[in-house]
PDB file of N, CA and C in Angstrom:
ATOM      1  N   MET A   1       8.132 134.314  97.079  1.00  0.00           N
ATOM      2  CA  MET A   1       7.448 133.409  97.501  1.00  0.00           C
ATOM      3  C   MET A   1       7.401 132.215  96.416  1.00  0.00           C
ATOM      4  N   VAL A   2       7.349 131.152  97.064  1.00  0.00           N
ATOM      5  CA  VAL A   2       7.554 129.748  96.206  1.00  0.00           C
ATOM      6  C   VAL A   2       6.059 129.014  96.432  1.00  0.00           C
ATOM      7  N   ARG A   3       5.332 128.646  95.559  1.00  0.00           N
ATOM      8  CA  ARG A   3       4.354 127.780  95.265  1.00  0.00           C
ATOM      9  C   ARG A   3       4.425 126.640  94.897  1.00  0.00           C
ATOM     10  N   ARG A   4       3.955 125.415  95.486  1.00  0.00           N
ATOM     11  CA  ARG A   4       4.028 124.168  95.071  1.00  0.00           C
ATOM     12  C   ARG A   4       2.688 123.759  94.223  1.00  0.00           C
ATOM     13  N   TYR A   5       2.990 123.184  93.113  1.00  0.00           N
ATOM     14  CA  TYR A   5       1.934 122.642  92.250  1.00  0.00           C
ATOM     15  C   TYR A   5       1.924 121.009  92.148  1.00  0.00           C
ATOM     16  N   GLU A   6       2.852 120.528  91.704  1.00  0.00           N
ATOM     17  CA  GLU A   6       2.952 118.773  91.529  1.00  0.00           C
ATOM     18  C   GLU A   6       1.826 118.671  90.191  1.00  0.00           C
ATOM     19  N   GLU A   7       1.528 119.408  89.196  1.00  0.00           N
ATOM     20  CA  GLU A   7       0.726 119.350  88.246  1.00  0.00           C
ATOM     21  C   GLU A   7       1.271 118.641  87.106  1.00  0.00           C
ATOM     22  N   PRO A   8       0.565 117.713  86.393  1.00  0.00           N
ATOM     23  CA  PRO A   8       1.377 117.343  85.179  1.00  0.00           C
ATOM     24  C   PRO A   8       1.368 118.405  84.031  1.00  0.00           C
ATOM     25  N   ILE A   9       2.221 118.124  83.329  1.00  0.00           N
ATOM     26  CA  ILE A   9       2.511 119.316  82.057  1.00  0.00           C
ATOM     27  C   ILE A   9       3.096 118.448  80.964  1.00  0.00           C
ATOM     28  N   GLU A  10       2.899 118.886  79.868  1.00  0.00           N
ATOM     29  CA  GLU A  10       3.753 118.699  78.543  1.00  0.00           C
ATOM     30  C   GLU A  10       5.072 119.461  78.348  1.00  0.00           C
ATOM     31  N   VAL A  11       5.936 118.675  78.104  1.00  0.00           N
ATOM     32  CA  VAL A  11       7.278 119.592  77.775  1.00  0.00           C
ATOM     33  C   VAL A  11       7.767 119.173  76.529  1.00  0.00           C
ATOM     34  N   ARG A  12       8.374 120.235  75.779  1.00  0.00           N
ATOM     35  CA  ARG A  12       8.996 120.222  74.461  1.00  0.00           C
ATOM     36  C   ARG A  12      10.420 120.186  74.782  1.00  0.00           C
ATOM     37  N   SER A  13      11.035 119.328  74.264  1.00  0.00           N
ATOM     38  CA  SER A  13      12.474 119.400  74.369  1.00  0.00           C
ATOM     39  C   SER A  13      13.249 119.054  73.099  1.00  0.00           C
ATOM     40  N   ALA A  14      14.364 119.949  72.681  1.00  0.00           N
ATOM     41  CA  ALA A  14      14.785 119.815  71.217  1.00  0.00           C
ATOM     42  C   ALA A  14      13.872 119.860  70.206  1.00  0.00           C
ATOM     43  N   GLY A  15      12.864 120.572  70.301  1.00  0.00           N
ATOM     44  CA  GLY A  15      12.014 120.768  69.089  1.00  0.00           C
ATOM     45  C   GLY A  15      10.961 119.838  68.903  1.00  0.00           C
ATOM     46  N   GLN A  16      10.930 118.566  69.841  1.00  0.00           N
ATOM     47  CA  GLN A  16       9.687 117.577  69.950  1.00  0.00           C
ATOM     48  C   GLN A  16       9.136 117.486  71.067  1.00  0.00           C
ATOM     49  N   ALA A  17       7.788 117.077  71.221  1.00  0.00           N
ATOM     50  CA  ALA A  17       7.114 116.997  72.409  1.00  0.00           C
ATOM     51  C   ALA A  17       7.221 115.746  73.189  1.00  0.00           C
ATOM     52  N   ARG A  18       7.701 115.943  74.297  1.00  0.00           N
ATOM     53  CA  ARG A  18       8.037 114.561  75.106  1.00  0.00           C
ATOM     54  C   ARG A  18       6.494 114.219  75.697  1.00  0.00           C
ATOM     55  N   GLU A  19       6.192 113.088  75.725  1.00  0.00           N
ATOM     56  CA  GLU A  19       5.031 112.628  76.158  1.00  0.00           C
ATOM     57  C   GLU A  19       5.300 111.363  76.988  1.00  0.00           C
ATOM     58  N   ALA A  20       4.404 111.335  78.006  1.00  0.00           N
ATOM     59  CA  ALA A  20       4.481 110.194  79.342  1.00  0.00           C
ATOM     60  C   ALA A  20       4.811 108.988  78.504  1.00  0.00           C
ATOM     61  N   GLY A  21       5.609 108.487  79.283  1.00  0.00           N
ATOM     62  CA  GLY A  21       6.044 107.087  78.765  1.00  0.00           C
ATOM     63  C   GLY A  21       7.112 106.990  77.715  1.00  0.00           C
ATOM     64  N   ALA A  22       8.056 108.081  77.594  1.00  0.00           N
ATOM     65  CA  ALA A  22       8.893 108.056  76.495  1.00  0.00           C
ATOM     66  C   ALA A  22      10.166 107.100  76.974  1.00  0.00           C
ATOM     67  N   ALA A  23      10.469 106.488  76.077  1.00  0.00           N
ATOM     68  CA  ALA A  23      11.753 105.377  76.783  1.00  0.00           C
ATOM     69  C   ALA A  23      12.934 106.080  77.058  1.00  0.00           C
ATOM     70  N   ASP A  24      13.307 107.210  76.464  1.00  0.00           N
ATOM     71  CA  ASP A  24      14.700 107.811  76.503  1.00  0.00           C
ATOM     72  C   ASP A  24      14.566 108.567  77.804  1.00  0.00           C
ATOM     73  N   ALA A  25      15.838 108.934  78.417  1.00  0.00           N
ATOM     74  CA  ALA A  25      15.829 109.983  79.394  1.00  0.00           C
ATOM     75  C   ALA A  25      15.507 111.352  78.943  1.00  0.00           C
ATOM     76  N   PRO A  26      15.085 112.251  79.611  1.00  0.00           N
ATOM     77  CA  PRO A  26      14.468 113.483  79.232  1.00  0.00           C
ATOM     78  C   PRO A  26      15.893 114.400  79.178  1.00  0.00           C
ATOM     79  N   GLY A  27      15.445 115.421  78.113  1.00  0.00           N
ATOM     80  CA  GLY A  27      16.625 116.415  78.037  1.00  0.00           C
ATOM     81  C   GLY A  27      16.087 117.783  78.522  1.00  0.00           C
ATOM     82  N   ALA A  28      17.103 118.592  78.602  1.00  0.00           N
ATOM     83  CA  ALA A  28      16.666 120.080  78.970  1.00  0.00           C
ATOM     84  C   ALA A  28      15.294 120.574  78.270  1.00  0.00           C
ATOM     85  N   PRO A  29      14.286 120.986  79.018  1.00  0.00           N
ATOM     86  CA  PRO A  29      13.260 121.489  78.268  1.00  0.00           C
ATOM     87  C   PRO A  29      13.436 122.935  77.679  1.00  0.00           C
ATOM     88  N   ASP A  30      12.713 122.865  76.405  1.00  0.00           N
ATOM     89  CA  ASP A  30      12.764 124.127  75.589  1.00  0.00           C
ATOM     90  C   ASP A  30      11.609 124.986  75.933  1.00  0.00           C
ATOM     91  N   ALA A  31      10.441 124.311  76.040  1.00  0.00           N
ATOM     92  CA  ALA A  31       8.999 124.989  76.328  1.00  0.00           C
ATOM     93  C   ALA A  31       8.280 123.990  77.007  1.00  0.00           C
ATOM     94  N   PHE A  32       6.977 124.385  77.720  1.00  0.00           N
ATOM     95  CA  PHE A  32       6.150 123.574  78.332  1.00  0.00           C
ATOM     96  C   PHE A  32       4.715 124.110  78.218  1.00  0.00           C
ATOM     97  N   VAL A  33       3.695 123.401  78.389  1.00  0.00           N
ATOM     98  CA  VAL A  33       2.348 123.863  78.170  1.00  0.00           C
ATOM     99  C   VAL A  33       1.818 123.297  79.877  1.00  0.00           C
ATOM    100  N   TRP A  34       1.286 124.436  80.520  1.00  0.00           N
ATOM    101  CA  TRP A  34       0.802 124.243  81.780  1.00  0.00           C
ATOM    102  C   TRP A  34      -0.658 124.912  81.766  1.00  0.00           C
ATOM    103  N   ARG A  35      -1.489 124.361  82.208  1.00  0.00           N
ATOM    104  CA  ARG A  35      -3.078 124.955  82.178  1.00  0.00           C
ATOM    105  C   ARG A  35      -3.454 125.477  80.972  1.00  0.00           C
ATOM    106  N   GLY A  36      -2.923 124.954  79.778  1.00  0.00           N
ATOM    107  CA  GLY A  36      -3.512 125.100  78.453  1.00  0.00           C
ATOM    108  C   GLY A  36      -2.618 126.386  77.918  1.00  0.00           C
ATOM    109  N   ARG A  37      -1.502 126.796  78.725  1.00  0.00           N
ATOM    110  CA  ARG A  37      -0.702 127.974  78.267  1.00  0.00           C
ATOM    111  C   ARG A  37       0.653 127.648  77.781  1.00  0.00           C
ATOM    112  N   LEU A  38       1.108 128.175  76.746  1.00  0.00           N
ATOM    113  CA  LEU A  38       2.613 127.762  76.549  1.00  0.00           C
ATOM    114  C   LEU A  38       3.308 128.803  77.073  1.00  0.00           C
ATOM    115  N   TYR A  39       4.773 127.995  77.812  1.00  0.00           N
ATOM    116  CA  TYR A  39       5.519 128.912  78.226  1.00  0.00           C
ATOM    117  C   TYR A  39       6.895 128.633  77.652  1.00  0.00           C
ATOM    118  N   VAL A  40       7.705 129.375  77.028  1.00  0.00           N
ATOM    119  CA  VAL A  40       8.903 129.379  76.342  1.00  0.00           C
ATOM    120  C   VAL A  40      10.087 129.393  77.238  1.00  0.00           C
ATOM    121  N   VAL A  41      11.005 128.532  77.500  1.00  0.00           N
ATOM    122  CA  VAL A  41      12.118 128.532  78.610  1.00  0.00           C
ATOM    123  C   VAL A  41      13.233 129.455  77.764  1.00  0.00           C
ATOM    124  N   ARG A  42      13.322 130.451  78.446  1.00  0.00           N
ATOM    125  CA  ARG A  42      14.450 131.542  78.231  1.00  0.00           C
ATOM    126  C   ARG A  42      15.843 131.282  78.605  1.00  0.00           C
ATOM    127  N   GLU A  43      15.652 130.502  79.828  1.00  0.00           N
ATOM    128  CA  GLU A  43      17.245 130.068  80.352  1.00  0.00           C
ATOM    129  C   GLU A  43      17.159 129.079  81.216  1.00  0.00           C
ATOM    130  N   VAL A  44      17.957 128.021  81.217  1.00  0.00           N
ATOM    131  CA  VAL A  44      18.030 126.896  82.312  1.00  0.00           C
ATOM    132  C   VAL A  44      18.800 127.559  83.419  1.00  0.00           C
ATOM    133  N   LEU A  45      18.439 127.655  84.528  1.00  0.00           N
ATOM    134  CA  LEU A  45      19.224 128.079  85.753  1.00  0.00           C
ATOM    135  C   LEU A  45      19.801 127.045  86.468  1.00  0.00           C
ATOM    136  N   GLU A  46      19.203 126.081  86.668  1.00  0.00           N
ATOM    137  CA  GLU A  46      19.796 125.043  87.598  1.00  0.00           C
ATOM    138  C   GLU A  46      19.304 123.605  86.790  1.00  0.00           C
ATOM    139  N   HIS A  47      20.061 122.533  87.226  1.00  0.00           N
ATOM    140  CA  HIS A  47      19.512 121.233  86.971  1.00  0.00           C
ATOM    141  C   HIS A  47      20.145 120.041  88.052  1.00  0.00           C
ATOM    142  N   TRP A  48      19.376 119.310  88.442  1.00  0.00           N
ATOM    143  CA  TRP A  48      19.807 118.486  89.636  1.00  0.00           C
ATOM    144  C   TRP A  48      18.953 117.038  89.456  1.00  0.00           C
ATOM    145  N   GLN A  49      19.328 116.213  90.158  1.00  0.00           N
ATOM    146  CA  GLN A  49      18.573 114.763  90.388  1.00  0.00           C
ATOM    147  C   GLN A  49      18.385 114.731  91.809  1.00  0.00           C
ATOM    148  N   GLU A  50      17.327 114.324  91.958  1.00  0.00           N
ATOM    149  CA  GLU A  50      16.590 113.882  93.402  1.00  0.00           C
ATOM    150  C   GLU A  50      15.849 112.937  93.470  1.00  0.00           C
ATOM    151  N   ARG A  51      15.587 112.198  94.676  1.00  0.00           N
ATOM    152  CA  ARG A  51      14.691 111.328  94.904  1.00  0.00           C
ATOM    153  C   ARG A  51      13.341 111.718  95.277  1.00  0.00           C
ATOM    154  N   ARG A  52      12.329 110.878  94.430  1.00  0.00           N
ATOM    155  CA  ARG A  52      11.112 111.269  94.607  1.00  0.00           C
ATOM    156  C   ARG A  52      10.474 111.284  95.955  1.00  0.00           C
ATOM    157  N   PRO A  53       9.504 111.831  96.631  1.00  0.00           N
ATOM    158  CA  PRO A  53       9.198 111.603  97.854  1.00  0.00           C
ATOM    159  C   PRO A  53       8.787 110.056  98.283  1.00  0.00           C
ATOM    160  N   TRP A  54       9.392 109.219  98.873  1.00  0.00           N
ATOM    161  CA  TRP A  54       8.959 107.928  99.042  1.00  0.00           C
ATOM    162  C   TRP A  54       7.737 107.913  99.733  1.00  0.00           C
ATOM    163  N   TRP A  55       7.046 108.692 100.417  1.00  0.00           N
ATOM    164  CA  TRP A  55       5.762 108.594 101.097  1.00  0.00           C
ATOM    165  C   TRP A  55       4.725 108.469  99.947  1.00  0.00           C
ATOM    166  N   ARG A  56       5.116 109.301  98.872  1.00  0.00           N
ATOM    167  CA  ARG A  56       3.978 109.376  97.871  1.00  0.00           C
ATOM    168  C   ARG A  56       3.754 108.107  96.994  1.00  0.00           C
ATOM    169  N   ASP A  57       4.866 107.392  96.707  1.00  0.00           N
ATOM    170  CA  ASP A  57       5.096 106.060  96.118  1.00  0.00           C
ATOM    171  C   ASP A  57       4.294 105.141  96.996  1.00  0.00           C
ATOM    172  N   ALA A  58       4.562 105.114  98.260  1.00  0.00           N
ATOM    173  CA  ALA A  58       3.993 104.237  99.460  1.00  0.00           C
ATOM    174  C   ALA A  58       2.329 104.517  99.141  1.00  0.00           C
ATOM    175  N   LEU A  59       1.993 105.532  99.142  1.00  0.00           N
ATOM    176  CA  LEU A  59       0.601 105.748  99.242  1.00  0.00           C
ATOM    177  C   LEU A  59      -0.194 105.469  97.909  1.00  0.00           C
ATOM    178  N   GLU A  60       0.640 105.595  96.772  1.00  0.00           N
ATOM    179  CA  GLU A  60      -0.057 105.150  95.578  1.00  0.00           C
ATOM    180  C   GLU A  60      -0.094 103.569  95.620  1.00  0.00           C
ATOM    181  N   THR A  61       0.972 102.856  96.032  1.00  0.00           N
ATOM    182  CA  THR A  61       1.019 101.622  95.985  1.00  0.00           C
ATOM    183  C   THR A  61      -0.130 101.085  96.945  1.00  0.00           C
ATOM    184  N   VAL A  62      -0.220 101.595  98.216  1.00  0.00           N
ATOM    185  CA  VAL A  62      -1.285 101.128  98.994  1.00  0.00           C
ATOM    186  C   VAL A  62      -2.765 101.355  98.405  1.00  0.00           C
ATOM    187  N   ALA A  63      -2.862 102.845  97.837  1.00  0.00           N
ATOM    188  CA  ALA A  63      -4.049 102.915  97.393  1.00  0.00           C
ATOM    189  C   ALA A  63      -4.720 101.976  96.116  1.00  0.00           C
ATOM    190  N   SER A  64      -3.461 101.718  95.403  1.00  0.00           N
ATOM    191  CA  SER A  64      -3.964 100.607  94.306  1.00  0.00           C
ATOM    192  C   SER A  64      -4.264  99.363  94.688  1.00  0.00           C
ATOM    193  N   GLY A  65      -3.887  98.813  95.861  1.00  0.00           N
ATOM    194  CA  GLY A  65      -4.046  97.506  96.233  1.00  0.00           C
ATOM    195  C   GLY A  65      -4.984  97.095  97.447  1.00  0.00           C
ATOM    196  N   THR A  66      -5.566  98.292  98.042  1.00  0.00           N
ATOM    197  CA  THR A  66      -6.639  98.052  99.033  1.00  0.00           C
ATOM    198  C   THR A  66      -7.706  98.982  98.932  1.00  0.00           C
ATOM    199  N   GLU A  67      -8.728  98.628  99.370  1.00  0.00           N
ATOM    200  CA  GLU A  67     -10.000  99.463  99.660  1.00  0.00           C
ATOM    201  C   GLU A  67      -9.754 100.715 100.489  1.00  0.00           C
ATOM    202  N   ALA A  68     -10.624 101.797 100.638  1.00  0.00           N
ATOM    203  CA  ALA A  68     -10.610 102.714 101.422  1.00  0.00           C
ATOM    204  C   ALA A  68     -10.879 102.307 102.730  1.00  0.00           C
ATOM    205  N   GLY A  69      -9.911 102.466 103.692  1.00  0.00           N
ATOM    206  CA  GLY A  69     -10.212 102.137 105.211  1.00  0.00           C
ATOM    207  C   GLY A  69      -9.836 100.656 105.392  1.00  0.00           C
ATOM    208  N   ASP A  70      -9.384  99.964 104.389  1.00  0.00           N
ATOM    209  CA  ASP A  70      -8.661  98.647 104.849  1.00  0.00           C
ATOM    210  C   ASP A  70      -7.340  98.976 105.262  1.00  0.00           C
ATOM    211  N   PRO A  71      -6.854  97.903 106.218  1.00  0.00           N
ATOM    212  CA  PRO A  71      -5.421  97.932 106.516  1.00  0.00           C
ATOM    213  C   PRO A  71      -4.416  97.579 105.462  1.00  0.00           C
ATOM    214  N   PRO A  72      -3.150  97.923 105.192  1.00  0.00           N
ATOM    215  CA  PRO A  72      -2.236  97.632 104.302  1.00  0.00           C
ATOM    216  C   PRO A  72      -2.101  95.961 104.438  1.00  0.00           C
ATOM    217  N   ALA A  73      -1.859  95.296 103.498  1.00  0.00           N
ATOM    218  CA  ALA A  73      -1.542  93.921 103.327  1.00  0.00           C
ATOM    219  C   ALA A  73      -0.295  93.650 104.515  1.00  0.00           C
ATOM    220  N   GLY A  74      -0.641  92.467 105.000  1.00  0.00           N
ATOM    221  CA  GLY A  74       0.270  92.047 106.268  1.00  0.00           C
ATOM    222  C   GLY A  74       0.058  92.594 107.566  1.00  0.00           C
ATOM    223  N   GLY A  75      -0.827  93.390 107.782  1.00  0.00           N
ATOM    224  CA  GLY A  75      -1.464  93.797 109.002  1.00  0.00           C
ATOM    225  C   GLY A  75      -0.560  95.025 109.528  1.00  0.00           C
ATOM    226  N   GLY A  76       0.721  95.179 109.032  1.00  0.00           N
ATOM    227  CA  GLY A  76       1.628  96.344 109.680  1.00  0.00           C
ATOM    228  C   GLY A  76       0.915  97.644 109.220  1.00  0.00           C
ATOM    229  N   ALA A  77       1.835  98.665 109.714  1.00  0.00           N
ATOM    230  CA  ALA A  77       1.320  99.921 109.335  1.00  0.00           C
ATOM    231  C   ALA A  77       1.741 100.464 107.714  1.00  0.00           C
ATOM    232  N   GLU A  78       2.678  99.738 107.172  1.00  0.00           N
ATOM    233  CA  GLU A  78       2.787  99.928 105.636  1.00  0.00           C
ATOM    234  C   GLU A  78       3.203  98.611 105.263  1.00  0.00           C
ATOM    235  N   PRO A  79       3.153  98.441 103.951  1.00  0.00           N
ATOM    236  CA  PRO A  79       3.366  96.986 103.471  1.00  0.00           C
ATOM    237  C   PRO A  79       4.677  96.903 103.397  1.00  0.00           C
ATOM    238  N   SER A  80       5.384  95.504 103.439  1.00  0.00           N
ATOM    239  CA  SER A  80       6.630  95.356 103.524  1.00  0.00           C
ATOM    240  C   SER A  80       7.194  95.812 102.142  1.00  0.00           C
ATOM    241  N   GLY A  81       8.464  96.450 102.151  1.00  0.00           N
ATOM    242  CA  GLY A  81       9.070  96.844 100.867  1.00  0.00           C
ATOM    243  C   GLY A  81       8.663  97.971 100.133  1.00  0.00           C
ATOM    244  N   VAL A  82       7.464  98.442 100.593  1.00  0.00           N
ATOM    245  CA  VAL A  82       7.117  99.468  99.501  1.00  0.00           C
ATOM    246  C   VAL A  82       7.778 100.675  99.611  1.00  0.00           C
ATOM    247  N   VAL A  83       8.436 101.322 100.608  1.00  0.00           N
ATOM    248  CA  VAL A  83       8.950 102.387 100.526  1.00  0.00           C
ATOM    249  C   VAL A  83      10.401 102.214  99.547  1.00  0.00           C
ATOM    250  N   LEU A  84      11.110 101.148  99.641  1.00  0.00           N
ATOM    251  CA  LEU A  84      12.284 100.887  98.868  1.00  0.00           C
ATOM    252  C   LEU A  84      12.076 100.704  97.450  1.00  0.00           C
ATOM    253  N   ALA A  85      10.969  99.704  97.388  1.00  0.00           N
ATOM    254  CA  ALA A  85      10.510  99.509  95.913  1.00  0.00           C
ATOM    255  C   ALA A  85       9.954 100.615  95.137  1.00  0.00           C
ATOM    256  N   GLY A  86       9.425 101.576  95.950  1.00  0.00           N
ATOM    257  CA  GLY A  86       8.692 102.810  95.134  1.00  0.00           C
ATOM    258  C   GLY A  86       9.636 103.885  95.040  1.00  0.00           C
ATOM    259  N   ALA A  87      10.788 103.963  95.755  1.00  0.00           N
ATOM    260  CA  ALA A  87      11.693 105.017  95.299  1.00  0.00           C
ATOM    261  C   ALA A  87      12.225 105.210  94.092  1.00  0.00           C
ATOM    262  N   ARG A  88      12.025 106.390  93.566  1.00  0.00           N
ATOM    263  CA  ARG A  88      12.410 106.605  91.925  1.00  0.00           C
ATOM    264  C   ARG A  88      13.306 108.001  91.858  1.00  0.00           C
ATOM    265  N   GLU A  89      13.942 108.038  91.085  1.00  0.00           N
ATOM    266  CA  GLU A  89      14.738 109.376  90.760  1.00  0.00           C
ATOM    267  C   GLU A  89      13.954 110.325  89.920  1.00  0.00           C
ATOM    268  N   ARG A  90      14.140 111.367  90.057  1.00  0.00           N
ATOM    269  CA  ARG A  90      13.752 112.525  89.276  1.00  0.00           C
ATOM    270  C   ARG A  90      14.733 113.548  88.881  1.00  0.00           C
ATOM    271  N   GLN A  91      14.691 113.934  87.610  1.00  0.00           N
ATOM    272  CA  GLN A  91      15.487 114.939  87.203  1.00  0.00           C
ATOM    273  C   GLN A  91      14.691 116.459  87.366  1.00  0.00           C
ATOM    274  N   VAL A  92      15.312 117.248  87.755  1.00  0.00           N
ATOM    275  CA  VAL A  92      14.551 118.624  87.946  1.00  0.00           C
ATOM    276  C   VAL A  92      15.521 119.698  87.041  1.00  0.00           C
ATOM    277  N   TRP A  93      14.702 120.618  86.561  1.00  0.00           N
ATOM    278  CA  TRP A  93      15.227 121.775  85.882  1.00  0.00           C
ATOM    279  C   TRP A  93      14.644 123.054  86.423  1.00  0.00           C
ATOM    280  N   ARG A  94      15.420 123.997  86.935  1.00  0.00           N
ATOM    281  CA  ARG A  94      15.026 125.032  87.284  1.00  0.00           C
ATOM    282  C   ARG A  94      15.007 126.148  86.191  1.00  0.00           C
ATOM    283  N   VAL A  95      14.195 126.745  85.579  1.00  0.00           N
ATOM    284  CA  VAL A  95      14.381 127.301  84.320  1.00  0.00           C
ATOM    285  C   VAL A  95      13.424 128.814  84.632  1.00  0.00           C
ATOM    286  N   GLU A  96      13.954 129.684  83.659  1.00  0.00           N
ATOM    287  CA  GLU A  96      13.203 131.094  83.644  1.00  0.00           C
ATOM    288  C   GLU A  96      12.414 130.828  82.331  1.00  0.00           C
ATOM    289  N   ALA A  97      11.305 131.161  82.438  1.00  0.00           N
ATOM    290  CA  ALA A  97      10.354 131.033  81.179  1.00  0.00           C
ATOM    291  C   ALA A  97       9.163 132.147  81.481  1.00  0.00           C
ATOM    292  N   SER A  98       8.592 132.435  80.041  1.00  0.00           N
ATOM    293  CA  SER A  98       7.616 133.260  79.908  1.00  0.00           C
ATOM    294  C   SER A  98       6.386 132.926  79.073  1.00  0.00           C
ATOM    295  N   ALA A  99       5.303 133.284  79.330  1.00  0.00           N
ATOM    296  CA  ALA A  99       4.267 132.926  78.402  1.00  0.00           C
ATOM    297  C   ALA A  99       3.929 133.661  77.278  1.00  0.00           C
ATOM    298  N   GLY A 100       4.867 134.606  76.755  1.00  0.00           N
ATOM    299  CA  GLY A 100       4.912 135.304  75.669  1.00  0.00           C
ATOM    300  C   GLY A 100       5.751 136.611  75.853  1.00  0.00           C
ATOM    301  N   ARG A 101       5.843 137.114  74.541  1.00  0.00           N
ATOM    302  CA  ARG A 101       6.684 138.448  74.740  1.00  0.00           C
ATOM    303  C   ARG A 101       6.422 139.578  75.682  1.00  0.00           C
ATOM    304  N   MET A 102       4.942 139.631  75.678  1.00  0.00           N
ATOM    305  CA  MET A 102       4.644 140.762  76.694  1.00  0.00           C
ATOM    306  C   MET A 102       4.543 140.313  78.005  1.00  0.00           C
ATOM    307  N   ALA A 103       4.400 139.154  78.234  1.00  0.00           N
ATOM    308  CA  ALA A 103       4.428 138.383  79.681  1.00  0.00           C
ATOM    309  C   ALA A 103       5.887 138.502  80.325  1.00  0.00           C
ATOM    310  N   GLY A 104       5.745 138.660  81.608  1.00  0.00           N
ATOM    311  CA  GLY A 104       6.866 138.653  82.648  1.00  0.00           C
ATOM    312  C   GLY A 104       7.620 137.416  82.511  1.00  0.00           C
ATOM    313  N   THR A 105       8.696 137.178  82.845  1.00  0.00           N
ATOM    314  CA  THR A 105       9.285 136.082  83.299  1.00  0.00           C
ATOM    315  C   THR A 105       9.173 135.383  84.668  1.00  0.00           C
ATOM    316  N   GLY A 106       9.131 134.303  84.795  1.00  0.00           N
ATOM    317  CA  GLY A 106       9.110 133.611  86.183  1.00  0.00           C
ATOM    318  C   GLY A 106      10.056 132.652  86.226  1.00  0.00           C
ATOM    319  N   VAL A 107      10.246 131.979  87.420  1.00  0.00           N
ATOM    320  CA  VAL A 107      11.018 130.814  87.591  1.00  0.00           C
ATOM    321  C   VAL A 107      10.307 129.696  88.026  1.00  0.00           C
ATOM    322  N   TYR A 108      10.502 128.571  87.253  1.00  0.00           N
ATOM    323  CA  TYR A 108       9.621 127.225  87.425  1.00  0.00           C
ATOM    324  C   TYR A 108      10.464 126.309  87.708  1.00  0.00           C
ATOM    325  N   ASP A 109      10.189 125.202  88.403  1.00  0.00           N
ATOM    326  CA  ASP A 109      10.861 124.016  88.668  1.00  0.00           C
ATOM    327  C   ASP A 109      10.060 122.869  87.791  1.00  0.00           C
ATOM    328  N   LEU A 110      10.852 122.233  87.097  1.00  0.00           N
ATOM    329  CA  LEU A 110      10.044 121.377  86.130  1.00  0.00           C
ATOM    330  C   LEU A 110      10.816 119.884  86.464  1.00  0.00           C
ATOM    331  N   GLY A 111      10.011 119.103  86.880  1.00  0.00           N
ATOM    332  CA  GLY A 111      10.580 117.788  87.435  1.00  0.00           C
ATOM    333  C   GLY A 111      10.091 116.462  86.139  1.00  0.00           C
ATOM    334  N   ALA A 112      10.935 115.612  85.945  1.00  0.00           N
ATOM    335  CA  ALA A 112      10.807 114.455  85.053  1.00  0.00           C
ATOM    336  C   ALA A 112      11.083 113.199  85.981  1.00  0.00           C
ATOM    337  N   ASP A 113       9.823 112.663  86.047  1.00  0.00           N
ATOM    338  CA  ASP A 113      10.055 111.280  87.024  1.00  0.00           C
ATOM    339  C   ASP A 113      10.501 110.398  85.781  1.00  0.00           C
ATOM    340  N   LEU A 114      11.717 109.562  86.280  1.00  0.00           N
ATOM    341  CA  LEU A 114      12.261 108.438  85.523  1.00  0.00           C
ATOM    342  C   LEU A 114      11.565 107.287  85.535  1.00  0.00           C
ATOM    343  N   SER A 115      11.323 106.520  84.477  1.00  0.00           N
ATOM    344  CA  SER A 115      10.910 105.181  84.329  1.00  0.00           C
ATOM    345  C   SER A 115       9.180 105.244  84.795  1.00  0.00           C
ATOM    346  N   PRO A 116       8.442 105.394  84.188  1.00  0.00           N
ATOM    347  CA  PRO A 116       8.541 106.046  82.562  1.00  0.00           C
ATOM    348  C   PRO A 116       8.747 107.486  83.231  1.00  0.00           C
ATOM    349  N   CYS A 117       9.011 108.138  81.997  1.00  0.00           N
ATOM    350  CA  CYS A 117       9.190 109.687  82.216  1.00  0.00           C
ATOM    351  C   CYS A 117       7.973 110.408  81.960  1.00  0.00           C
ATOM    352  N   GLN A 118       7.545 111.048  83.139  1.00  0.00           N
ATOM    353  CA  GLN A 118       6.428 111.658  83.394  1.00  0.00           C
ATOM    354  C   GLN A 118       6.928 113.252  83.873  1.00  0.00           C
ATOM    355  N   TRP A 119       6.436 114.318  83.278  1.00  0.00           N
ATOM    356  CA  TRP A 119       6.913 115.710  83.632  1.00  0.00           C
ATOM    357  C   TRP A 119       5.879 116.261  84.573  1.00  0.00           C
ATOM    358  N   ARG A 120       6.248 117.093  85.338  1.00  0.00           N
ATOM    359  CA  ARG A 120       5.405 117.898  86.422  1.00  0.00           C
ATOM    360  C   ARG A 120       6.011 119.170  86.691  1.00  0.00           C
ATOM    361  N   LEU A 121       5.039 120.050  86.853  1.00  0.00           N
ATOM    362  CA  LEU A 121       5.561 121.316  87.308  1.00  0.00           C
ATOM    363  C   LEU A 121       5.574 121.258  88.784  1.00  0.00           C
ATOM    364  N   LEU A 122       6.720 121.314  89.326  1.00  0.00           N
ATOM    365  CA  LEU A 122       6.774 121.378  90.835  1.00  0.00           C
ATOM    366  C   LEU A 122       6.416 122.638  91.748  1.00  0.00           C
ATOM    367  N   ARG A 123       7.385 123.599  91.390  1.00  0.00           N
ATOM    368  CA  ARG A 123       7.066 124.702  92.035  1.00  0.00           C
ATOM    369  C   ARG A 123       7.371 126.097  91.180  1.00  0.00           C
ATOM    370  N   VAL A 124       6.704 127.051  91.531  1.00  0.00           N
ATOM    371  CA  VAL A 124       6.822 128.516  90.735  1.00  0.00           C
ATOM    372  C   VAL A 124       7.439 129.518  91.832  1.00  0.00           C
ATOM    373  N   ALA A 125       8.236 130.164  91.574  1.00  0.00           N
ATOM    374  CA  ALA A 125       8.743 131.278  92.379  1.00  0.00           C
ATOM    375  C   ALA A 125       8.338 132.638  91.617  1.00  0.00           C
ATOM    376  N   ASP A 126       7.597 133.454  92.794  1.00  0.00           N
ATOM    377  CA  ASP A 126       7.190 134.681  92.310  1.00  0.00           C
ATOM    378  C   ASP A 126       8.161 135.884  92.359  1.00  0.00           C
TER     379      ASP A 126
END
């Protein structure tokens, strides 16, 4: 079973903590902190690049520019150019990680939104 989360996390890569807004492109994660617990990456299973869901960027743009219940600027269903302007790339790592020696391992999808770099736990496979 796969569960979706889309929750912000702190990722440590190459022995250093990566914080939101880091200027350089993210590297493969070595460890991450999720819900106050440190998970150590045992193995990187896969790595790929994907486009972030455009509708989330569109909703964020609309929410930041209008009051609740107001129609979007321009009177249309969506503001002009929001979909293309908000489309961003994301690096995704599928990793096997555990929360300690005695804890079992799990498979986690960690995503790093580019420009600025913001890490999120995307999915957990049981």
